[in-house]
Amino acid sequence: RDLTITARGGTGTETKSSTIKVRMIIKSLIKLTGITDISFPVWDKINPLIASQSVCVYRNGGGGYSVNAQGSGSGFAFTLANGAFELPYSVSWSDSSSTKTLAAKMTEGSMINSFTANPSCDGGASNNATFTVTITTTSLAAATQGVYTGTLTFIVAPQ
């Protein structure tokens, strides 16, 4: 579009106008909100430990996105550590189109349910994805006593 700028001289009524072209590029923006720390309950020695969180993926203009998950284990493996002992876990990601099991440091695409109204995702009221962390009973039964910690990082990218 053209933009017209008009300037008026000091005290007179004379005006001068000039038309210029203005060009603006807005790049794709994507934002992940709503992630908080996970604390599992004490294991009941019967069931796997499962924790899910509802989050929001905002993308200006809408469209698909991909998810890459990285754990804090060797090679970005999904593990919690207690000294030298590591406890593996699995991660899945769900949006309105499907649920995908994520592999460490591998990108999973085809997510389509991005939120477009505002980057704050209405303060969590418009969450549109869920991730789930699962520790199997087999892994838990083999674990030594103690406190296990780790970091799980998600990277979302426009597709």
Foldseek 3Di string as FASTA:
>chain_A
DKDKDKDADDPDRDIDIDIDDDDDDDDKDKDKDDDDDDDWDPDPLPFKTKDKTFIAIAIAPFFWKKKAKFKFDVVRFQWWDDVPDTFHKWKWKDFPPGIGTHGHRDIDIDGGDHDHPDPCCVVRPNGGMMMMIIGGSVSVVPDDDDDTGIDMDMDMGGD
